[in-house]
Amino acid sequence: MRTEFRSQKCRIDTVEVVPEEQLQRVVFLDRDGVINKKLEGDYVKTYDEFIFLPGTIDAIKKIKQKGLMVIIITNQSGIGRGIMSEDDLLDVHEQMLAELKKNGVTIDAIYYCPHSPDNGCDCRKPKDGLFKQALMDFNIDMEHSWMIGDEQKDVEAGEKAGCQTYLLSKGELLIEAIELLL
């Protein structure tokens, strides 16, 4: 069953609803620089600019094969800065999810902060508001979950949320981290 959620503080894309009675282990992933190539000094505004990093699809397959959920937690301040619209972001996510599905991979949820850094919101990493939203939506075992990111703010947010963290070193791919961690 698919459900879409919207809130004032953060935005959530498609979500697979999981039965409440079971605690779920999750691998939280940052998007830009972990799943796809980060555009230095710019934002991924269209799917034409979205390029999966090598091994990403296989890494997500391995996570799912281990029975863990995959949730993307991403700052998307290009929206708050007026560089792109929320519809642009939703289109990128929709096409990303379609490509993953073609390869037999699903993402359980995408949580994103659309605000600019000066907004002062609670959902922008390094704050843990998006994790708190995920906890309200899913029955997550944070102690046995991971946050994998490419920036210190990803790690800080994961630590505040109470999960284990992994910071990708420059040039390190998600598949390499997953082979180490799982």
C-alpha atoms as a PDB file:
ATOM      1  CA  MET A   1       0.000   0.000   0.000  1.00  0.00           C
ATOM      2  CA  ARG A   2       1.375   3.452  -0.898  1.00  0.00           C
ATOM      3  CA  THR A   3       0.603   6.585   1.062  1.00  0.00           C
ATOM      4  CA  GLU A   4       1.777  10.166   0.599  1.00  0.00           C
ATOM      5  CA  PHE A   5       2.375  12.417   3.564  1.00  0.00           C
ATOM      6  CA  ARG A   6       2.754  16.174   3.765  1.00  0.00           C
ATOM      7  CA  SER A   7       3.533  18.321   6.762  1.00  0.00           C
ATOM      8  CA  GLN A   8       4.371  21.948   7.457  1.00  0.00           C
ATOM      9  CA  LYS A   9       7.919  21.308   8.645  1.00  0.00           C
ATOM     10  CA  CYS A  10       9.193  18.703   6.223  1.00  0.00           C
ATOM     11  CA  ARG A  11       8.116  16.921   3.112  1.00  0.00           C
ATOM     12  CA  ILE A  12       7.821  13.209   2.542  1.00  0.00           C
ATOM     13  CA  ASP A  13       7.633  11.363  -0.749  1.00  0.00           C
ATOM     14  CA  THR A  14       6.175   7.914  -1.280  1.00  0.00           C
ATOM     15  CA  VAL A  15       6.031   5.677   1.746  1.00  0.00           C
ATOM     16  CA  GLU A  16       5.476   1.922   2.065  1.00  0.00           C
ATOM     17  CA  VAL A  17       3.470   1.398   5.256  1.00  0.00           C
ATOM     18  CA  VAL A  18       4.902  -1.332   7.522  1.00  0.00           C
ATOM     19  CA  PRO A  19       2.893  -3.188  10.194  1.00  0.00           C
ATOM     20  CA  GLU A  20       3.361  -1.469  13.559  1.00  0.00           C
ATOM     21  CA  GLU A  21       3.985  -4.594  15.610  1.00  0.00           C
ATOM     22  CA  GLN A  22       7.479  -5.244  14.283  1.00  0.00           C
ATOM     23  CA  LEU A  23      10.546  -3.129  14.991  1.00  0.00           C
ATOM     24  CA  GLN A  24      12.312  -2.279  11.755  1.00  0.00           C
ATOM     25  CA  ARG A  25      16.020  -1.810  11.255  1.00  0.00           C
ATOM     26  CA  VAL A  26      16.691   0.946   8.746  1.00  0.00           C
ATOM     27  CA  VAL A  27      19.561   2.190   6.654  1.00  0.00           C
ATOM     28  CA  PHE A  28      19.017   5.927   6.304  1.00  0.00           C
ATOM     29  CA  LEU A  29      20.786   7.362   3.267  1.00  0.00           C
ATOM     30  CA  ASP A  30      21.609  10.897   2.309  1.00  0.00           C
ATOM     31  CA  ARG A  31      20.857  11.430  -1.383  1.00  0.00           C
ATOM     32  CA  ASP A  32      23.341  13.739  -3.123  1.00  0.00           C
ATOM     33  CA  GLY A  33      26.860  12.331  -2.846  1.00  0.00           C
ATOM     34  CA  VAL A  34      25.647   8.940  -1.570  1.00  0.00           C
ATOM     35  CA  ILE A  35      23.027   7.727  -4.057  1.00  0.00           C
ATOM     36  CA  ASN A  36      23.720  10.102  -6.911  1.00  0.00           C
ATOM     37  CA  LYS A  37      26.546  12.309  -8.087  1.00  0.00           C
ATOM     38  CA  LYS A  38      26.609  15.610  -6.221  1.00  0.00           C
ATOM     39  CA  LEU A  39      26.693  18.683  -8.442  1.00  0.00           C
ATOM     40  CA  GLU A  40      29.299  20.951  -6.882  1.00  0.00           C
ATOM     41  CA  GLY A  41      27.925  24.461  -6.493  1.00  0.00           C
ATOM     42  CA  ASP A  42      24.555  23.486  -7.951  1.00  0.00           C
ATOM     43  CA  TYR A  43      21.469  21.380  -7.259  1.00  0.00           C
ATOM     44  CA  VAL A  44      20.005  18.395  -9.073  1.00  0.00           C
ATOM     45  CA  LYS A  45      16.968  20.179 -10.499  1.00  0.00           C
ATOM     46  CA  THR A  46      15.906  17.681 -13.178  1.00  0.00           C
ATOM     47  CA  TYR A  47      16.285  13.958 -13.670  1.00  0.00           C
ATOM     48  CA  ASP A  48      18.640  14.693 -16.588  1.00  0.00           C
ATOM     49  CA  GLU A  49      21.095  15.980 -13.946  1.00  0.00           C
ATOM     50  CA  PHE A  50      20.600  12.925 -11.708  1.00  0.00           C
ATOM     51  CA  ILE A  51      23.347  10.311 -12.138  1.00  0.00           C
ATOM     52  CA  PHE A  52      23.409   7.197  -9.957  1.00  0.00           C
ATOM     53  CA  LEU A  53      26.837   6.635  -8.434  1.00  0.00           C
ATOM     54  CA  PRO A  54      28.445   3.301  -9.392  1.00  0.00           C
ATOM     55  CA  GLY A  55      27.208   0.356  -7.321  1.00  0.00           C
ATOM     56  CA  THR A  56      24.347   2.274  -5.704  1.00  0.00           C
ATOM     57  CA  ILE A  57      21.585   0.023  -6.999  1.00  0.00           C
ATOM     58  CA  ASP A  58      23.478  -3.105  -5.926  1.00  0.00           C
ATOM     59  CA  ALA A  59      24.116  -1.565  -2.496  1.00  0.00           C
ATOM     60  CA  ILE A  60      20.414  -0.880  -1.963  1.00  0.00           C
ATOM     61  CA  LYS A  61      19.610  -4.436  -3.138  1.00  0.00           C
ATOM     62  CA  LYS A  62      22.015  -5.812  -0.513  1.00  0.00           C
ATOM     63  CA  ILE A  63      20.408  -3.710   2.221  1.00  0.00           C
ATOM     64  CA  LYS A  64      16.937  -4.931   1.261  1.00  0.00           C
ATOM     65  CA  GLN A  65      18.120  -8.560   0.987  1.00  0.00           C
ATOM     66  CA  LYS A  66      19.255  -8.311   4.629  1.00  0.00           C
ATOM     67  CA  GLY A  67      15.676  -7.373   5.559  1.00  0.00           C
ATOM     68  CA  LEU A  68      16.364  -3.723   6.370  1.00  0.00           C
ATOM     69  CA  MET A  69      14.295  -0.755   5.277  1.00  0.00           C
ATOM     70  CA  VAL A  70      15.877   1.997   3.181  1.00  0.00           C
ATOM     71  CA  ILE A  71      14.860   5.577   3.903  1.00  0.00           C
ATOM     72  CA  ILE A  72      16.360   8.629   2.217  1.00  0.00           C
ATOM     73  CA  ILE A  73      16.912  11.682   4.431  1.00  0.00           C
ATOM     74  CA  THR A  74      17.943  14.684   2.359  1.00  0.00           C
ATOM     75  CA  ASN A  75      18.284  18.457   2.557  1.00  0.00           C
ATOM     76  CA  GLN A  76      16.964  20.092  -0.624  1.00  0.00           C
ATOM     77  CA  SER A  77      17.476  23.803  -0.012  1.00  0.00           C
ATOM     78  CA  GLY A  78      17.316  24.547  -3.730  1.00  0.00           C
ATOM     79  CA  ILE A  79      13.555  24.730  -3.136  1.00  0.00           C
ATOM     80  CA  GLY A  80      13.833  27.256  -0.306  1.00  0.00           C
ATOM     81  CA  ARG A  81      16.335  29.292  -2.320  1.00  0.00           C
ATOM     82  CA  GLY A  82      13.942  29.474  -5.289  1.00  0.00           C
ATOM     83  CA  ILE A  83      16.324  27.591  -7.599  1.00  0.00           C
ATOM     84  CA  MET A  84      13.907  24.726  -8.147  1.00  0.00           C
ATOM     85  CA  SER A  85      10.313  23.940  -7.273  1.00  0.00           C
ATOM     86  CA  GLU A  86       8.979  21.203  -5.059  1.00  0.00           C
ATOM     87  CA  ASP A  87       7.396  19.698  -8.176  1.00  0.00           C
ATOM     88  CA  ASP A  88      10.877  19.555  -9.757  1.00  0.00           C
ATOM     89  CA  LEU A  89      12.135  17.582  -6.757  1.00  0.00           C
ATOM     90  CA  LEU A  90       9.126  15.263  -6.768  1.00  0.00           C
ATOM     91  CA  ASP A  91       9.716  14.576 -10.468  1.00  0.00           C
ATOM     92  CA  VAL A  92      13.381  13.698  -9.798  1.00  0.00           C
ATOM     93  CA  HIS A  93      12.327  11.356  -6.984  1.00  0.00           C
ATOM     94  CA  GLU A  94       9.571   9.777  -9.045  1.00  0.00           C
ATOM     95  CA  GLN A  95      11.962   8.999 -11.897  1.00  0.00           C
ATOM     96  CA  MET A  96      14.681   7.805  -9.488  1.00  0.00           C
ATOM     97  CA  LEU A  97      12.184   5.427  -7.836  1.00  0.00           C
ATOM     98  CA  ALA A  98      11.007   4.184 -11.256  1.00  0.00           C
ATOM     99  CA  GLU A  99      14.591   3.420 -12.303  1.00  0.00           C
ATOM    100  CA  LEU A 100      15.241   1.598  -9.040  1.00  0.00           C
ATOM    101  CA  LYS A 101      12.020  -0.392  -9.469  1.00  0.00           C
ATOM    102  CA  LYS A 102      13.128  -1.432 -12.987  1.00  0.00           C
ATOM    103  CA  ASN A 103      16.180  -2.902 -11.268  1.00  0.00           C
ATOM    104  CA  GLY A 104      14.133  -4.713  -8.620  1.00  0.00           C
ATOM    105  CA  VAL A 105      14.841  -2.214  -5.829  1.00  0.00           C
ATOM    106  CA  THR A 106      12.475  -0.200  -3.655  1.00  0.00           C
ATOM    107  CA  ILE A 107      12.976   2.706  -1.286  1.00  0.00           C
ATOM    108  CA  ASP A 108      10.636   2.654   1.706  1.00  0.00           C
ATOM    109  CA  ALA A 109      10.403   6.431   2.155  1.00  0.00           C
ATOM    110  CA  ILE A 110      11.993   9.720   1.207  1.00  0.00           C
ATOM    111  CA  TYR A 111      12.027  12.564   3.737  1.00  0.00           C
ATOM    112  CA  TYR A 112      13.335  15.918   2.606  1.00  0.00           C
ATOM    113  CA  CYS A 113      13.793  19.377   4.002  1.00  0.00           C
ATOM    114  CA  PRO A 114      12.841  22.017   1.412  1.00  0.00           C
ATOM    115  CA  HIS A 115      14.028  24.956   3.524  1.00  0.00           C
ATOM    116  CA  SER A 116      17.018  27.228   3.039  1.00  0.00           C
ATOM    117  CA  PRO A 117      19.718  27.056   5.735  1.00  0.00           C
ATOM    118  CA  ASP A 118      18.693  30.408   7.246  1.00  0.00           C
ATOM    119  CA  ASN A 119      15.081  29.271   7.756  1.00  0.00           C
ATOM    120  CA  GLY A 120      15.761  27.854  11.225  1.00  0.00           C
ATOM    121  CA  CYS A 121      13.565  24.800  10.674  1.00  0.00           C
ATOM    122  CA  ASP A 122      13.840  21.627  12.730  1.00  0.00           C
ATOM    123  CA  CYS A 123      14.043  19.297   9.735  1.00  0.00           C
ATOM    124  CA  ARG A 124      17.278  20.467   8.102  1.00  0.00           C
ATOM    125  CA  LYS A 125      20.263  18.275   8.898  1.00  0.00           C
ATOM    126  CA  PRO A 126      22.259  18.423  11.193  1.00  0.00           C
ATOM    127  CA  LYS A 127      19.002  18.622  13.171  1.00  0.00           C
ATOM    128  CA  ASP A 128      17.118  15.362  13.516  1.00  0.00           C
ATOM    129  CA  GLY A 129      13.576  16.440  12.637  1.00  0.00           C
ATOM    130  CA  LEU A 130      13.331  14.201   9.575  1.00  0.00           C
ATOM    131  CA  PHE A 131      14.354  11.210  11.692  1.00  0.00           C
ATOM    132  CA  LYS A 132      11.697  12.138  14.264  1.00  0.00           C
ATOM    133  CA  GLN A 133       9.128  12.197  11.461  1.00  0.00           C
ATOM    134  CA  ALA A 134      10.290   8.754  10.295  1.00  0.00           C
ATOM    135  CA  LEU A 135       9.919   7.477  13.870  1.00  0.00           C
ATOM    136  CA  MET A 136       6.324   8.731  13.931  1.00  0.00           C
ATOM    137  CA  ASP A 137       5.576   6.988  10.634  1.00  0.00           C
ATOM    138  CA  PHE A 138       7.409   3.696  11.215  1.00  0.00           C
ATOM    139  CA  ASN A 139       8.265   1.466  14.164  1.00  0.00           C
ATOM    140  CA  ILE A 140      12.056   1.881  13.858  1.00  0.00           C
ATOM    141  CA  ASP A 141      14.769   0.278  15.962  1.00  0.00           C
ATOM    142  CA  MET A 142      17.082   3.314  15.934  1.00  0.00           C
ATOM    143  CA  GLU A 143      19.803   1.649  18.013  1.00  0.00           C
ATOM    144  CA  HIS A 144      20.306  -0.994  15.317  1.00  0.00           C
ATOM    145  CA  SER A 145      19.829   1.335  12.345  1.00  0.00           C
ATOM    146  CA  TRP A 146      22.428   3.248  10.331  1.00  0.00           C
ATOM    147  CA  MET A 147      22.729   6.714   8.798  1.00  0.00           C
ATOM    148  CA  ILE A 148      25.156   6.844   5.885  1.00  0.00           C
ATOM    149  CA  GLY A 149      26.159  10.227   4.526  1.00  0.00           C
ATOM    150  CA  ASP A 150      28.937  12.082   2.797  1.00  0.00           C
ATOM    151  CA  GLU A 151      28.992  15.149   5.058  1.00  0.00           C
ATOM    152  CA  GLN A 152      29.485  15.687   8.767  1.00  0.00           C
ATOM    153  CA  LYS A 153      25.960  17.106   9.108  1.00  0.00           C
ATOM    154  CA  ASP A 154      24.573  13.707   8.040  1.00  0.00           C
ATOM    155  CA  VAL A 155      26.520  11.995  10.815  1.00  0.00           C
ATOM    156  CA  GLU A 156      25.516  14.623  13.390  1.00  0.00           C
ATOM    157  CA  ALA A 157      21.838  14.209  12.535  1.00  0.00           C
ATOM    158  CA  GLY A 158      22.093  10.425  12.738  1.00  0.00           C
ATOM    159  CA  GLU A 159      23.846  10.607  16.098  1.00  0.00           C
ATOM    160  CA  LYS A 160      21.184  12.983  17.474  1.00  0.00           C
ATOM    161  CA  ALA A 161      18.526  10.533  16.293  1.00  0.00           C
ATOM    162  CA  GLY A 162      20.246   7.684  18.130  1.00  0.00           C
ATOM    163  CA  CYS A 163      21.387   5.523  15.248  1.00  0.00           C
ATOM    164  CA  GLN A 164      24.804   4.281  14.215  1.00  0.00           C
ATOM    165  CA  THR A 165      26.521   6.436  11.621  1.00  0.00           C
ATOM    166  CA  TYR A 166      28.967   6.089   8.771  1.00  0.00           C
ATOM    167  CA  LEU A 167      30.667   8.970   6.963  1.00  0.00           C
ATOM    168  CA  LEU A 168      31.736   8.119   3.424  1.00  0.00           C
ATOM    169  CA  SER A 169      35.254   9.278   2.733  1.00  0.00           C
ATOM    170  CA  LYS A 170      35.897  11.298  -0.438  1.00  0.00           C
ATOM    171  CA  GLY A 171      35.448   8.986  -3.407  1.00  0.00           C
ATOM    172  CA  GLU A 172      34.086   6.101  -1.314  1.00  0.00           C
ATOM    173  CA  LEU A 173      30.967   4.515  -2.755  1.00  0.00           C
ATOM    174  CA  LEU A 174      27.860   3.326  -0.929  1.00  0.00           C
ATOM    175  CA  ILE A 175      28.470  -0.269  -2.060  1.00  0.00           C
ATOM    176  CA  GLU A 176      31.853  -0.236  -0.291  1.00  0.00           C
ATOM    177  CA  ALA A 177      30.287   1.011   2.942  1.00  0.00           C
ATOM    178  CA  ILE A 178      27.503  -1.575   2.809  1.00  0.00           C
ATOM    179  CA  GLU A 179      30.012  -4.393   2.319  1.00  0.00           C
ATOM    180  CA  LEU A 180      31.814  -3.193   5.472  1.00  0.00           C
ATOM    181  CA  LEU A 181      28.736  -2.587   7.619  1.00  0.00           C
ATOM    182  CA  LEU A 182      26.322  -5.382   6.801  1.00  0.00           C
END
